[in-house]
Amino acid sequence: MSAPWSGDLAPRLARLRPDLFDLLFGECRPERYSAGEHLFMQEDVADRIYGVLSGTVEISIYSPGGRKLVANIELSRSLVGEIGVLDGGARTASALCLTDCTLVSLNRAQLFDKLEKNAALALAMIGLLCARLRWVSGERNDQALLKIEARLAKRLLFLSGILADKDGWIAISQAELAAFLGATRESVNKMLNEWRSRSLIMIKRSAIRVTNADGLQEIVDLGDA
């Protein structure tokens, strides 16, 4: 039996297989959102689950003091907002469209109707939630056990795999990258400049390119030793 997600990076992105994604959202009309528009905010009432057709959605968590931590990036055929809709609780994070996005969505009643009628889809959602849990657990372990250098190198390798353009450039600012790590922009800037001098990466305005993935992986491995 094939896994309910697809692609080498899918457990991190927690995508449904294309056929199951279509089964879930096949009757929905596309909804268009502009870059910078929020789908929902942390602590909002969870009333809809979203499927990404195109574009990039940022999932972020905010501390009571307003400090931002980027939890994940969602791409085509990813689900957004499933946890709150499934348990009926508040949103656990905020979802922001980083680019112009086309999405589809279902309300809670529609979602449960689909799950009750399709055992394969229900099992796939369980698998997706397990993938989410493993991803969150891994992130927490990284925060606790890895030094900032290893966490940054690991994040750059991940982002290069899902966001890099045809020339290898990742469209992300150093401030945004720092938000992924819960670090300061200054500390990230210092490490990036050092890695540029070692030809591990290239930097231009609001973009980074990995030029030596093996070198970054070595930093990750040393940090995990």
N, C-alpha and C. Protein backbone atom coordinates (compact mmCIF):
# COMPACT_ATOMS: atom_id res chain seq x y z
N MET A 1 0.86 -1.20 0.00
CA MET A 1 0.00 0.00 0.00
C MET A 1 0.88 1.25 0.00
N SER A 2 0.64 2.16 -0.90
CA SER A 2 1.46 3.37 -0.98
C SER A 2 1.11 4.33 0.13
N ALA A 3 2.10 5.17 0.47
CA ALA A 3 1.91 6.12 1.56
C ALA A 3 0.89 7.17 1.16
N PRO A 4 0.19 7.77 2.13
CA PRO A 4 -0.83 8.77 1.81
C PRO A 4 -0.27 10.13 1.48
N TRP A 5 1.06 10.24 1.48
CA TRP A 5 1.68 11.49 1.05
C TRP A 5 2.57 11.18 -0.15
N SER A 6 3.09 12.23 -0.79
CA SER A 6 3.87 12.03 -2.01
C SER A 6 5.12 12.88 -1.99
N GLY A 7 6.20 12.38 -2.61
CA GLY A 7 7.43 13.15 -2.75
C GLY A 7 8.40 12.89 -1.62
N ASP A 8 9.72 13.06 -1.90
CA ASP A 8 10.75 12.77 -0.91
C ASP A 8 10.64 13.65 0.32
N LEU A 9 10.18 14.88 0.14
CA LEU A 9 10.08 15.81 1.26
C LEU A 9 8.68 15.86 1.83
N ALA A 10 7.80 14.99 1.35
CA ALA A 10 6.39 15.09 1.72
C ALA A 10 6.09 14.94 3.20
N PRO A 11 6.79 14.06 3.98
CA PRO A 11 6.48 14.02 5.40
C PRO A 11 6.66 15.36 6.10
N ARG A 12 7.62 16.19 5.62
CA ARG A 12 7.77 17.52 6.19
C ARG A 12 6.66 18.45 5.70
N LEU A 13 6.30 18.32 4.43
CA LEU A 13 5.25 19.16 3.88
C LEU A 13 3.87 18.60 4.18
N ALA A 14 3.81 17.30 4.53
CA ALA A 14 2.54 16.63 4.87
C ALA A 14 1.50 16.83 3.77
N ARG A 15 1.86 16.45 2.56
CA ARG A 15 0.93 16.50 1.43
C ARG A 15 0.15 15.20 1.32
N LEU A 16 -1.08 15.30 0.87
CA LEU A 16 -1.82 14.12 0.49
C LEU A 16 -1.39 13.69 -0.91
N ARG A 17 -1.57 12.40 -1.21
CA ARG A 17 -1.37 11.94 -2.58
C ARG A 17 -2.31 12.71 -3.50
N PRO A 18 -1.92 12.93 -4.76
CA PRO A 18 -2.78 13.68 -5.68
C PRO A 18 -4.21 13.15 -5.79
N ASP A 19 -4.37 11.81 -5.82
CA ASP A 19 -5.72 11.27 -5.96
C ASP A 19 -6.58 11.55 -4.73
N LEU A 20 -5.96 11.52 -3.55
CA LEU A 20 -6.70 11.79 -2.32
C LEU A 20 -6.97 13.28 -2.16
N PHE A 21 -6.02 14.09 -2.58
CA PHE A 21 -6.24 15.54 -2.58
C PHE A 21 -7.43 15.88 -3.46
N ASP A 22 -7.49 15.28 -4.63
CA ASP A 22 -8.62 15.53 -5.54
C ASP A 22 -9.93 14.98 -4.97
N LEU A 23 -9.85 13.86 -4.28
CA LEU A 23 -11.04 13.31 -3.64
C LEU A 23 -11.58 14.26 -2.58
N LEU A 24 -10.68 14.88 -1.85
CA LEU A 24 -11.08 15.79 -0.78
C LEU A 24 -11.62 17.11 -1.32
N PHE A 25 -10.95 17.69 -2.32
CA PHE A 25 -11.28 19.04 -2.76
C PHE A 25 -11.84 19.11 -4.19
N GLY A 26 -12.09 17.97 -4.81
CA GLY A 26 -12.45 17.96 -6.22
C GLY A 26 -13.67 18.78 -6.58
N GLU A 27 -14.59 18.97 -5.66
CA GLU A 27 -15.82 19.71 -5.95
C GLU A 27 -15.73 21.18 -5.53
N CYS A 28 -14.59 21.60 -5.06
CA CYS A 28 -14.44 22.97 -4.53
C CYS A 28 -14.02 23.94 -5.63
N ARG A 29 -14.49 25.16 -5.51
CA ARG A 29 -14.11 26.21 -6.45
C ARG A 29 -12.81 26.86 -5.99
N PRO A 30 -11.87 27.13 -6.90
CA PRO A 30 -10.61 27.79 -6.53
C PRO A 30 -10.85 29.16 -5.90
N GLU A 31 -10.06 29.48 -4.90
CA GLU A 31 -10.11 30.77 -4.21
C GLU A 31 -8.74 31.43 -4.36
N ARG A 32 -8.71 32.69 -4.71
CA ARG A 32 -7.44 33.38 -4.95
C ARG A 32 -7.14 34.36 -3.83
N TYR A 33 -5.91 34.32 -3.36
CA TYR A 33 -5.45 35.19 -2.28
C TYR A 33 -4.18 35.90 -2.74
N SER A 34 -4.02 37.13 -2.30
CA SER A 34 -2.86 37.93 -2.68
C SER A 34 -1.71 37.71 -1.71
N ALA A 35 -0.49 37.93 -2.20
CA ALA A 35 0.68 37.88 -1.33
C ALA A 35 0.50 38.86 -0.17
N GLY A 36 0.80 38.40 1.04
CA GLY A 36 0.64 39.23 2.22
C GLY A 36 -0.70 39.07 2.91
N GLU A 37 -1.60 38.28 2.33
CA GLU A 37 -2.93 38.08 2.91
C GLU A 37 -2.93 36.87 3.83
N HIS A 38 -3.53 37.02 5.01
CA HIS A 38 -3.61 35.92 5.97
C HIS A 38 -4.84 35.04 5.67
N LEU A 39 -4.64 33.73 5.75
CA LEU A 39 -5.79 32.82 5.71
C LEU A 39 -6.47 32.80 7.07
N PHE A 40 -5.68 32.82 8.11
CA PHE A 40 -6.20 32.90 9.48
C PHE A 40 -5.06 33.26 10.42
N MET A 41 -5.42 33.65 11.63
CA MET A 41 -4.46 34.03 12.65
C MET A 41 -4.51 33.04 13.82
N GLN A 42 -3.39 32.92 14.49
CA GLN A 42 -3.31 32.08 15.68
C GLN A 42 -4.40 32.48 16.67
N GLU A 43 -5.08 31.48 17.23
CA GLU A 43 -6.17 31.62 18.19
C GLU A 43 -7.51 31.95 17.53
N ASP A 44 -7.56 32.12 16.21
CA ASP A 44 -8.86 32.28 15.53
C ASP A 44 -9.69 31.01 15.69
N VAL A 45 -10.99 31.14 15.53
CA VAL A 45 -11.86 29.97 15.46
C VAL A 45 -11.53 29.20 14.19
N ALA A 46 -11.35 27.89 14.32
CA ALA A 46 -10.99 27.06 13.16
C ALA A 46 -12.25 26.57 12.47
N ASP A 47 -12.55 27.15 11.31
CA ASP A 47 -13.79 26.79 10.63
C ASP A 47 -13.58 26.20 9.25
N ARG A 48 -12.33 26.23 8.72
CA ARG A 48 -12.11 25.70 7.37
C ARG A 48 -10.74 25.02 7.29
N ILE A 49 -10.67 24.03 6.40
CA ILE A 49 -9.41 23.41 6.02
C ILE A 49 -9.11 23.83 4.59
N TYR A 50 -7.84 24.14 4.31
CA TYR A 50 -7.45 24.64 2.99
C TYR A 50 -6.52 23.64 2.30
N GLY A 51 -6.64 23.59 0.99
CA GLY A 51 -5.71 22.85 0.15
C GLY A 51 -5.03 23.83 -0.80
N VAL A 52 -3.71 23.74 -0.91
CA VAL A 52 -2.95 24.66 -1.75
C VAL A 52 -2.88 24.12 -3.18
N LEU A 53 -3.41 24.88 -4.13
CA LEU A 53 -3.27 24.53 -5.54
C LEU A 53 -1.99 25.11 -6.13
N SER A 54 -1.69 26.35 -5.76
CA SER A 54 -0.45 26.99 -6.21
C SER A 54 -0.09 28.09 -5.22
N GLY A 55 1.21 28.41 -5.19
CA GLY A 55 1.67 29.45 -4.28
C GLY A 55 2.36 28.88 -3.06
N THR A 56 2.74 29.78 -2.16
CA THR A 56 3.50 29.43 -0.97
C THR A 56 2.84 30.03 0.27
N VAL A 57 2.56 29.20 1.27
CA VAL A 57 1.91 29.64 2.49
C VAL A 57 2.86 29.42 3.67
N GLU A 58 3.06 30.45 4.45
CA GLU A 58 3.92 30.38 5.64
C GLU A 58 3.08 30.11 6.88
N ILE A 59 3.52 29.15 7.69
CA ILE A 59 2.86 28.82 8.94
C ILE A 59 3.75 29.32 10.08
N SER A 60 3.22 30.22 10.91
CA SER A 60 4.02 30.85 11.95
C SER A 60 3.32 30.80 13.31
N ILE A 61 4.13 30.76 14.34
CA ILE A 61 3.66 30.77 15.72
C ILE A 61 4.16 32.04 16.38
N TYR A 62 3.31 32.67 17.18
CA TYR A 62 3.68 33.90 17.88
C TYR A 62 3.64 33.68 19.39
N SER A 63 4.68 34.19 20.06
CA SER A 63 4.71 34.13 21.52
C SER A 63 3.77 35.20 22.08
N PRO A 64 3.43 35.13 23.39
CA PRO A 64 2.59 36.17 23.99
C PRO A 64 3.17 37.57 23.84
N GLY A 65 4.51 37.65 23.74
CA GLY A 65 5.16 38.94 23.56
C GLY A 65 5.26 39.39 22.12
N GLY A 66 4.75 38.57 21.19
CA GLY A 66 4.74 38.94 19.79
C GLY A 66 5.92 38.45 18.98
N ARG A 67 6.79 37.63 19.60
CA ARG A 67 7.93 37.10 18.86
C ARG A 67 7.46 36.03 17.90
N LYS A 68 7.97 36.08 16.67
CA LYS A 68 7.52 35.18 15.61
C LYS A 68 8.49 34.05 15.38
N LEU A 69 7.94 32.82 15.24
CA LEU A 69 8.73 31.66 14.84
C LEU A 69 8.04 31.01 13.66
N VAL A 70 8.73 30.94 12.53
CA VAL A 70 8.17 30.29 11.35
C VAL A 70 8.26 28.78 11.55
N ALA A 71 7.11 28.11 11.53
CA ALA A 71 7.06 26.67 11.79
C ALA A 71 7.25 25.86 10.52
N ASN A 72 6.72 26.34 9.40
CA ASN A 72 6.81 25.55 8.17
C ASN A 72 6.39 26.38 6.97
N ILE A 73 6.65 25.83 5.80
CA ILE A 73 6.24 26.39 4.52
C ILE A 73 5.39 25.33 3.81
N GLU A 74 4.24 25.74 3.29
CA GLU A 74 3.36 24.81 2.59
C GLU A 74 3.28 25.18 1.11
N LEU A 75 3.37 24.15 0.26
CA LEU A 75 3.38 24.34 -1.18
C LEU A 75 2.20 23.60 -1.81
N SER A 76 2.25 23.45 -3.12
CA SER A 76 1.16 22.82 -3.87
C SER A 76 0.79 21.45 -3.31
N ARG A 77 -0.52 21.22 -3.15
CA ARG A 77 -1.12 19.98 -2.64
C ARG A 77 -0.85 19.75 -1.16
N SER A 78 -0.38 20.77 -0.46
CA SER A 78 -0.30 20.68 0.99
C SER A 78 -1.65 21.04 1.59
N LEU A 79 -1.90 20.57 2.80
CA LEU A 79 -3.07 20.97 3.56
C LEU A 79 -2.68 22.03 4.57
N VAL A 80 -3.58 22.94 4.83
CA VAL A 80 -3.36 24.02 5.79
C VAL A 80 -4.57 24.11 6.71
N GLY A 81 -4.32 24.08 8.02
CA GLY A 81 -5.39 24.31 8.98
C GLY A 81 -6.19 23.10 9.38
N GLU A 82 -5.65 21.90 9.13
CA GLU A 82 -6.43 20.70 9.39
C GLU A 82 -6.59 20.39 10.88
N ILE A 83 -5.62 20.76 11.71
CA ILE A 83 -5.68 20.38 13.12
C ILE A 83 -6.87 21.03 13.83
N GLY A 84 -6.99 22.34 13.69
CA GLY A 84 -8.09 23.04 14.35
C GLY A 84 -9.45 22.60 13.85
N VAL A 85 -9.55 22.31 12.54
CA VAL A 85 -10.83 21.89 11.99
C VAL A 85 -11.20 20.49 12.49
N LEU A 86 -10.23 19.63 12.61
CA LEU A 86 -10.52 18.27 13.05
C LEU A 86 -10.94 18.21 14.52
N ASP A 87 -10.28 18.98 15.38
CA ASP A 87 -10.63 18.89 16.81
C ASP A 87 -11.58 19.99 17.27
N GLY A 88 -11.89 20.94 16.39
CA GLY A 88 -12.82 21.99 16.75
C GLY A 88 -12.25 23.07 17.65
N GLY A 89 -10.93 23.04 17.86
CA GLY A 89 -10.30 24.04 18.72
C GLY A 89 -9.85 25.27 17.96
N ALA A 90 -9.12 26.12 18.66
CA ALA A 90 -8.61 27.35 18.04
C ALA A 90 -7.42 27.04 17.14
N ARG A 91 -7.11 27.97 16.26
CA ARG A 91 -5.95 27.83 15.40
C ARG A 91 -4.68 27.79 16.25
N THR A 92 -3.80 26.85 15.94
CA THR A 92 -2.55 26.72 16.68
C THR A 92 -1.44 27.58 16.10
N ALA A 93 -1.66 28.16 14.92
CA ALA A 93 -0.65 28.98 14.26
C ALA A 93 -1.36 29.93 13.30
N SER A 94 -0.58 30.84 12.72
CA SER A 94 -1.09 31.75 11.70
C SER A 94 -0.63 31.28 10.33
N ALA A 95 -1.45 31.53 9.32
CA ALA A 95 -1.13 31.13 7.94
C ALA A 95 -1.13 32.37 7.05
N LEU A 96 0.00 32.66 6.43
CA LEU A 96 0.19 33.85 5.61
C LEU A 96 0.60 33.46 4.20
N CYS A 97 -0.03 34.04 3.20
CA CYS A 97 0.35 33.80 1.81
C CYS A 97 1.61 34.61 1.50
N LEU A 98 2.72 33.92 1.26
CA LEU A 98 3.96 34.61 0.90
C LEU A 98 3.95 35.07 -0.55
N THR A 99 3.19 34.37 -1.38
CA THR A 99 3.03 34.72 -2.79
C THR A 99 1.54 34.78 -3.09
N ASP A 100 1.21 35.21 -4.28
CA ASP A 100 -0.18 35.04 -4.71
C ASP A 100 -0.50 33.55 -4.70
N CYS A 101 -1.63 33.18 -4.14
CA CYS A 101 -1.97 31.77 -3.95
C CYS A 101 -3.35 31.45 -4.51
N THR A 102 -3.50 30.24 -5.00
CA THR A 102 -4.80 29.70 -5.35
C THR A 102 -5.05 28.50 -4.45
N LEU A 103 -6.18 28.53 -3.73
CA LEU A 103 -6.49 27.50 -2.76
C LEU A 103 -7.91 26.99 -2.96
N VAL A 104 -8.20 25.88 -2.32
CA VAL A 104 -9.56 25.36 -2.21
C VAL A 104 -9.80 25.09 -0.73
N SER A 105 -11.07 25.05 -0.31
CA SER A 105 -11.33 24.88 1.11
C SER A 105 -12.65 24.18 1.35
N LEU A 106 -12.75 23.59 2.55
CA LEU A 106 -13.97 22.94 3.02
C LEU A 106 -14.24 23.41 4.44
N ASN A 107 -15.52 23.50 4.82
CA ASN A 107 -15.81 23.76 6.23
C ASN A 107 -15.78 22.45 7.00
N ARG A 108 -15.94 22.52 8.31
CA ARG A 108 -15.77 21.34 9.16
C ARG A 108 -16.81 20.26 8.84
N ALA A 109 -18.05 20.66 8.61
CA ALA A 109 -19.10 19.69 8.31
C ALA A 109 -18.81 18.98 6.99
N GLN A 110 -18.34 19.72 6.00
CA GLN A 110 -18.02 19.11 4.71
C GLN A 110 -16.85 18.14 4.83
N LEU A 111 -15.85 18.52 5.63
CA LEU A 111 -14.70 17.65 5.82
C LEU A 111 -15.11 16.33 6.46
N PHE A 112 -15.88 16.38 7.53
CA PHE A 112 -16.27 15.16 8.22
C PHE A 112 -17.18 14.29 7.34
N ASP A 113 -17.99 14.92 6.52
CA ASP A 113 -18.81 14.15 5.59
C ASP A 113 -17.93 13.36 4.62
N LYS A 114 -16.88 14.00 4.12
CA LYS A 114 -15.95 13.32 3.22
C LYS A 114 -15.24 12.17 3.93
N LEU A 115 -14.79 12.41 5.16
CA LEU A 115 -14.05 11.39 5.90
C LEU A 115 -14.93 10.19 6.25
N GLU A 116 -16.19 10.46 6.60
CA GLU A 116 -17.10 9.37 6.94
C GLU A 116 -17.42 8.47 5.75
N LYS A 117 -17.40 9.05 4.56
CA LYS A 117 -17.76 8.30 3.36
C LYS A 117 -16.56 7.63 2.69
N ASN A 118 -15.34 8.00 3.07
CA ASN A 118 -14.15 7.50 2.38
C ASN A 118 -13.10 7.05 3.40
N ALA A 119 -13.06 5.75 3.64
CA ALA A 119 -12.12 5.21 4.63
C ALA A 119 -10.67 5.49 4.24
N ALA A 120 -10.36 5.40 2.93
CA ALA A 120 -9.00 5.64 2.49
C ALA A 120 -8.56 7.07 2.79
N LEU A 121 -9.49 8.00 2.61
CA LEU A 121 -9.18 9.40 2.90
C LEU A 121 -8.99 9.61 4.40
N ALA A 122 -9.84 8.98 5.22
CA ALA A 122 -9.70 9.09 6.67
C ALA A 122 -8.36 8.55 7.13
N LEU A 123 -7.95 7.40 6.59
CA LEU A 123 -6.66 6.82 6.95
C LEU A 123 -5.51 7.73 6.51
N ALA A 124 -5.67 8.34 5.34
CA ALA A 124 -4.64 9.25 4.85
C ALA A 124 -4.49 10.47 5.76
N MET A 125 -5.61 10.98 6.27
CA MET A 125 -5.55 12.12 7.19
C MET A 125 -4.85 11.73 8.49
N ILE A 126 -5.08 10.51 8.97
CA ILE A 126 -4.37 10.04 10.16
C ILE A 126 -2.86 9.99 9.88
N GLY A 127 -2.51 9.46 8.71
CA GLY A 127 -1.10 9.43 8.34
C GLY A 127 -0.49 10.81 8.23
N LEU A 128 -1.26 11.75 7.69
CA LEU A 128 -0.78 13.12 7.55
C LEU A 128 -0.54 13.75 8.92
N LEU A 129 -1.48 13.53 9.86
CA LEU A 129 -1.32 14.08 11.21
C LEU A 129 -0.10 13.48 11.90
N CYS A 130 0.15 12.20 11.67
CA CYS A 130 1.34 11.58 12.25
C CYS A 130 2.61 12.21 11.66
N ALA A 131 2.58 12.50 10.35
CA ALA A 131 3.72 13.16 9.72
C ALA A 131 3.93 14.54 10.32
N ARG A 132 2.84 15.27 10.56
CA ARG A 132 2.95 16.58 11.20
C ARG A 132 3.59 16.44 12.58
N LEU A 133 3.14 15.45 13.35
CA LEU A 133 3.65 15.27 14.71
C LEU A 133 5.14 14.94 14.69
N ARG A 134 5.53 14.08 13.77
CA ARG A 134 6.95 13.75 13.66
C ARG A 134 7.78 14.97 13.28
N TRP A 135 7.24 15.78 12.38
CA TRP A 135 7.94 17.01 11.96
C TRP A 135 8.11 17.96 13.14
N VAL A 136 7.02 18.18 13.89
CA VAL A 136 7.08 19.08 15.04
C VAL A 136 8.04 18.54 16.10
N SER A 137 7.98 17.23 16.34
CA SER A 137 8.88 16.61 17.31
C SER A 137 10.34 16.78 16.88
N GLY A 138 10.60 16.60 15.59
CA GLY A 138 11.96 16.79 15.09
C GLY A 138 12.43 18.22 15.23
N GLU A 139 11.53 19.17 14.97
CA GLU A 139 11.89 20.58 15.13
C GLU A 139 12.20 20.92 16.58
N ARG A 140 11.41 20.39 17.50
CA ARG A 140 11.66 20.63 18.92
C ARG A 140 13.00 20.02 19.34
N ASN A 141 13.30 18.84 18.83
CA ASN A 141 14.59 18.23 19.14
C ASN A 141 15.74 19.06 18.61
N ASP A 142 15.58 19.59 17.39
CA ASP A 142 16.62 20.44 16.82
C ASP A 142 16.84 21.67 17.68
N GLN A 143 15.74 22.29 18.12
CA GLN A 143 15.85 23.49 18.96
C GLN A 143 16.60 23.19 20.25
N ALA A 144 16.36 22.01 20.81
CA ALA A 144 16.95 21.67 22.10
C ALA A 144 18.37 21.13 21.98
N LEU A 145 18.67 20.42 20.90
CA LEU A 145 19.92 19.65 20.84
C LEU A 145 20.95 20.19 19.86
N LEU A 146 20.53 20.92 18.84
CA LEU A 146 21.48 21.40 17.84
C LEU A 146 21.88 22.84 18.10
N LYS A 147 23.14 23.13 17.83
CA LYS A 147 23.60 24.51 17.89
C LYS A 147 22.99 25.29 16.74
N ILE A 148 23.02 26.61 16.86
CA ILE A 148 22.39 27.46 15.87
C ILE A 148 23.00 27.25 14.48
N GLU A 149 24.34 26.98 14.41
CA GLU A 149 24.97 26.75 13.11
C GLU A 149 24.37 25.54 12.41
N ALA A 150 24.19 24.46 13.17
CA ALA A 150 23.64 23.23 12.58
C ALA A 150 22.19 23.42 12.18
N ARG A 151 21.43 24.14 12.99
CA ARG A 151 20.03 24.39 12.67
C ARG A 151 19.89 25.23 11.40
N LEU A 152 20.74 26.23 11.27
CA LEU A 152 20.70 27.08 10.08
C LEU A 152 21.09 26.29 8.83
N ALA A 153 22.14 25.49 8.93
CA ALA A 153 22.56 24.69 7.78
C ALA A 153 21.45 23.71 7.38
N LYS A 154 20.83 23.07 8.36
CA LYS A 154 19.76 22.11 8.08
C LYS A 154 18.58 22.80 7.42
N ARG A 155 18.25 24.01 7.89
CA ARG A 155 17.12 24.74 7.32
C ARG A 155 17.41 25.16 5.89
N LEU A 156 18.63 25.60 5.62
CA LEU A 156 18.98 26.01 4.25
C LEU A 156 18.89 24.82 3.29
N LEU A 157 19.34 23.65 3.72
CA LEU A 157 19.26 22.47 2.88
C LEU A 157 17.79 22.12 2.59
N PHE A 158 16.95 22.22 3.61
CA PHE A 158 15.53 21.94 3.44
C PHE A 158 14.88 22.93 2.48
N LEU A 159 15.12 24.22 2.70
CA LEU A 159 14.52 25.24 1.85
C LEU A 159 15.03 25.15 0.42
N SER A 160 16.30 24.78 0.25
CA SER A 160 16.84 24.63 -1.09
C SER A 160 16.12 23.52 -1.84
N GLY A 161 15.69 22.50 -1.10
CA GLY A 161 15.00 21.39 -1.72
C GLY A 161 13.58 21.69 -2.14
N ILE A 162 12.94 22.69 -1.50
CA ILE A 162 11.53 22.93 -1.81
C ILE A 162 11.25 24.30 -2.42
N LEU A 163 12.15 25.28 -2.23
CA LEU A 163 11.84 26.64 -2.66
C LEU A 163 12.79 27.21 -3.71
N ALA A 164 13.92 26.55 -3.95
CA ALA A 164 14.91 27.11 -4.88
C ALA A 164 14.35 27.20 -6.29
N ASP A 165 14.70 28.27 -6.99
CA ASP A 165 14.29 28.40 -8.39
C ASP A 165 15.21 27.58 -9.28
N LYS A 166 15.05 27.68 -10.59
CA LYS A 166 15.83 26.85 -11.52
C LYS A 166 17.32 27.12 -11.43
N ASP A 167 17.71 28.29 -10.92
CA ASP A 167 19.13 28.63 -10.75
C ASP A 167 19.62 28.35 -9.34
N GLY A 168 18.75 27.80 -8.49
CA GLY A 168 19.17 27.44 -7.15
C GLY A 168 18.96 28.50 -6.09
N TRP A 169 18.37 29.64 -6.45
CA TRP A 169 18.20 30.73 -5.49
C TRP A 169 16.93 30.52 -4.65
N ILE A 170 17.07 30.70 -3.35
CA ILE A 170 15.95 30.65 -2.41
C ILE A 170 15.55 32.08 -2.11
N ALA A 171 14.34 32.46 -2.46
CA ALA A 171 13.86 33.83 -2.23
C ALA A 171 13.46 33.98 -0.77
N ILE A 172 14.41 34.41 0.06
CA ILE A 172 14.15 34.58 1.48
C ILE A 172 15.11 35.61 2.04
N SER A 173 14.62 36.49 2.89
CA SER A 173 15.48 37.49 3.51
C SER A 173 16.16 36.89 4.74
N GLN A 174 17.21 37.54 5.20
CA GLN A 174 17.89 37.06 6.39
C GLN A 174 17.01 37.19 7.63
N ALA A 175 16.15 38.19 7.65
CA ALA A 175 15.21 38.34 8.76
C ALA A 175 14.21 37.19 8.77
N GLU A 176 13.72 36.80 7.58
CA GLU A 176 12.79 35.68 7.49
C GLU A 176 13.47 34.37 7.88
N LEU A 177 14.71 34.22 7.48
CA LEU A 177 15.46 33.01 7.83
C LEU A 177 15.67 32.94 9.35
N ALA A 178 15.95 34.08 9.96
CA ALA A 178 16.10 34.11 11.42
C ALA A 178 14.80 33.71 12.11
N ALA A 179 13.66 34.10 11.52
CA ALA A 179 12.37 33.75 12.11
C ALA A 179 12.12 32.24 12.07
N PHE A 180 12.70 31.56 11.09
CA PHE A 180 12.60 30.11 11.04
C PHE A 180 13.29 29.47 12.23
N LEU A 181 14.34 30.10 12.72
CA LEU A 181 15.18 29.50 13.75
C LEU A 181 14.90 30.03 15.15
N GLY A 182 14.10 31.09 15.25
CA GLY A 182 13.93 31.74 16.54
C GLY A 182 15.21 32.42 16.98
N ALA A 183 16.00 32.92 16.00
CA ALA A 183 17.29 33.54 16.26
C ALA A 183 17.24 35.01 15.87
N THR A 184 18.30 35.74 16.18
CA THR A 184 18.38 37.14 15.79
C THR A 184 18.91 37.26 14.36
N ARG A 185 18.51 38.32 13.69
CA ARG A 185 19.01 38.54 12.33
C ARG A 185 20.52 38.71 12.34
N GLU A 186 21.05 39.34 13.38
CA GLU A 186 22.49 39.60 13.46
C GLU A 186 23.29 38.29 13.50
N SER A 187 22.80 37.33 14.30
CA SER A 187 23.53 36.06 14.41
C SER A 187 23.47 35.29 13.10
N VAL A 188 22.33 35.32 12.43
CA VAL A 188 22.20 34.64 11.14
C VAL A 188 23.07 35.31 10.10
N ASN A 189 23.09 36.64 10.07
CA ASN A 189 23.92 37.38 9.13
C ASN A 189 25.39 37.03 9.29
N LYS A 190 25.85 36.92 10.52
CA LYS A 190 27.25 36.61 10.79
C LYS A 190 27.61 35.22 10.24
N MET A 191 26.75 34.24 10.46
CA MET A 191 27.03 32.89 9.98
C MET A 191 26.98 32.82 8.46
N LEU A 192 26.00 33.48 7.86
CA LEU A 192 25.88 33.45 6.41
C LEU A 192 27.09 34.09 5.74
N ASN A 193 27.57 35.19 6.28
CA ASN A 193 28.75 35.83 5.70
C ASN A 193 29.98 34.95 5.82
N GLU A 194 30.10 34.22 6.94
CA GLU A 194 31.22 33.29 7.10
C GLU A 194 31.12 32.16 6.09
N TRP A 195 29.93 31.63 5.90
CA TRP A 195 29.75 30.52 4.95
C TRP A 195 29.96 30.99 3.52
N ARG A 196 29.61 32.24 3.24
CA ARG A 196 29.88 32.78 1.90
C ARG A 196 31.38 32.84 1.65
N SER A 197 32.15 33.23 2.67
CA SER A 197 33.61 33.31 2.52
C SER A 197 34.23 31.92 2.32
N ARG A 198 33.52 30.88 2.76
CA ARG A 198 33.99 29.50 2.59
C ARG A 198 33.37 28.84 1.36
N SER A 199 32.66 29.63 0.55
CA SER A 199 32.03 29.16 -0.69
C SER A 199 31.00 28.07 -0.47
N LEU A 200 30.34 28.09 0.69
CA LEU A 200 29.25 27.16 0.96
C LEU A 200 27.93 27.68 0.38
N ILE A 201 27.80 29.00 0.33
CA ILE A 201 26.59 29.63 -0.17
C ILE A 201 26.95 30.88 -0.96
N MET A 202 25.96 31.40 -1.69
CA MET A 202 26.04 32.72 -2.31
C MET A 202 24.87 33.55 -1.76
N ILE A 203 25.08 34.85 -1.68
CA ILE A 203 24.06 35.74 -1.14
C ILE A 203 23.84 36.90 -2.09
N LYS A 204 22.57 37.23 -2.32
CA LYS A 204 22.21 38.48 -2.97
C LYS A 204 21.00 39.03 -2.24
N ARG A 205 20.52 40.17 -2.64
CA ARG A 205 19.43 40.82 -1.93
C ARG A 205 18.21 39.89 -1.82
N SER A 206 17.83 39.58 -0.58
CA SER A 206 16.65 38.77 -0.27
C SER A 206 16.67 37.40 -0.94
N ALA A 207 17.87 36.84 -1.12
CA ALA A 207 17.97 35.50 -1.70
C ALA A 207 19.30 34.86 -1.32
N ILE A 208 19.28 33.53 -1.22
CA ILE A 208 20.46 32.74 -0.87
C ILE A 208 20.50 31.53 -1.78
N ARG A 209 21.71 31.13 -2.18
CA ARG A 209 21.87 29.92 -2.98
C ARG A 209 22.89 29.00 -2.32
N VAL A 210 22.52 27.74 -2.14
CA VAL A 210 23.44 26.75 -1.60
C VAL A 210 24.37 26.30 -2.72
N THR A 211 25.68 26.45 -2.53
CA THR A 211 26.65 26.06 -3.54
C THR A 211 27.46 24.84 -3.13
N ASN A 212 27.40 24.48 -1.85
CA ASN A 212 28.12 23.30 -1.37
C ASN A 212 27.25 22.60 -0.34
N ALA A 213 26.30 21.78 -0.84
CA ALA A 213 25.38 21.09 0.05
C ALA A 213 26.11 20.12 0.98
N ASP A 214 27.17 19.47 0.47
CA ASP A 214 27.92 18.54 1.32
C ASP A 214 28.57 19.27 2.49
N GLY A 215 29.06 20.49 2.23
CA GLY A 215 29.67 21.26 3.31
C GLY A 215 28.67 21.64 4.37
N LEU A 216 27.45 22.03 3.96
CA LEU A 216 26.40 22.35 4.93
C LEU A 216 25.98 21.10 5.70
N GLN A 217 25.89 19.97 5.00
CA GLN A 217 25.51 18.72 5.67
C GLN A 217 26.57 18.33 6.71
N GLU A 218 27.82 18.61 6.43
CA GLU A 218 28.88 18.33 7.40
C GLU A 218 28.69 19.15 8.66
N ILE A 219 28.24 20.41 8.50
CA ILE A 219 27.96 21.26 9.67
C ILE A 219 26.82 20.67 10.48
N VAL A 220 25.79 20.17 9.79
CA VAL A 220 24.67 19.53 10.47
C VAL A 220 25.14 18.30 11.23
N ASP A 221 25.93 17.47 10.58
CA ASP A 221 26.41 16.24 11.19
C ASP A 221 27.30 16.51 12.41
N LEU A 222 28.15 17.51 12.31
CA LEU A 222 29.01 17.87 13.44
C LEU A 222 28.18 18.40 14.60
N GLY A 223 27.12 19.16 14.26
CA GLY A 223 26.26 19.67 15.32
C GLY A 223 25.44 18.61 16.00
N ASP A 224 25.24 17.49 15.30
CA ASP A 224 24.44 16.38 15.83
C ASP A 224 25.31 15.33 16.51
N ALA A 225 26.65 15.53 16.44
CA ALA A 225 27.55 14.52 16.99
C ALA A 225 27.55 14.54 18.51
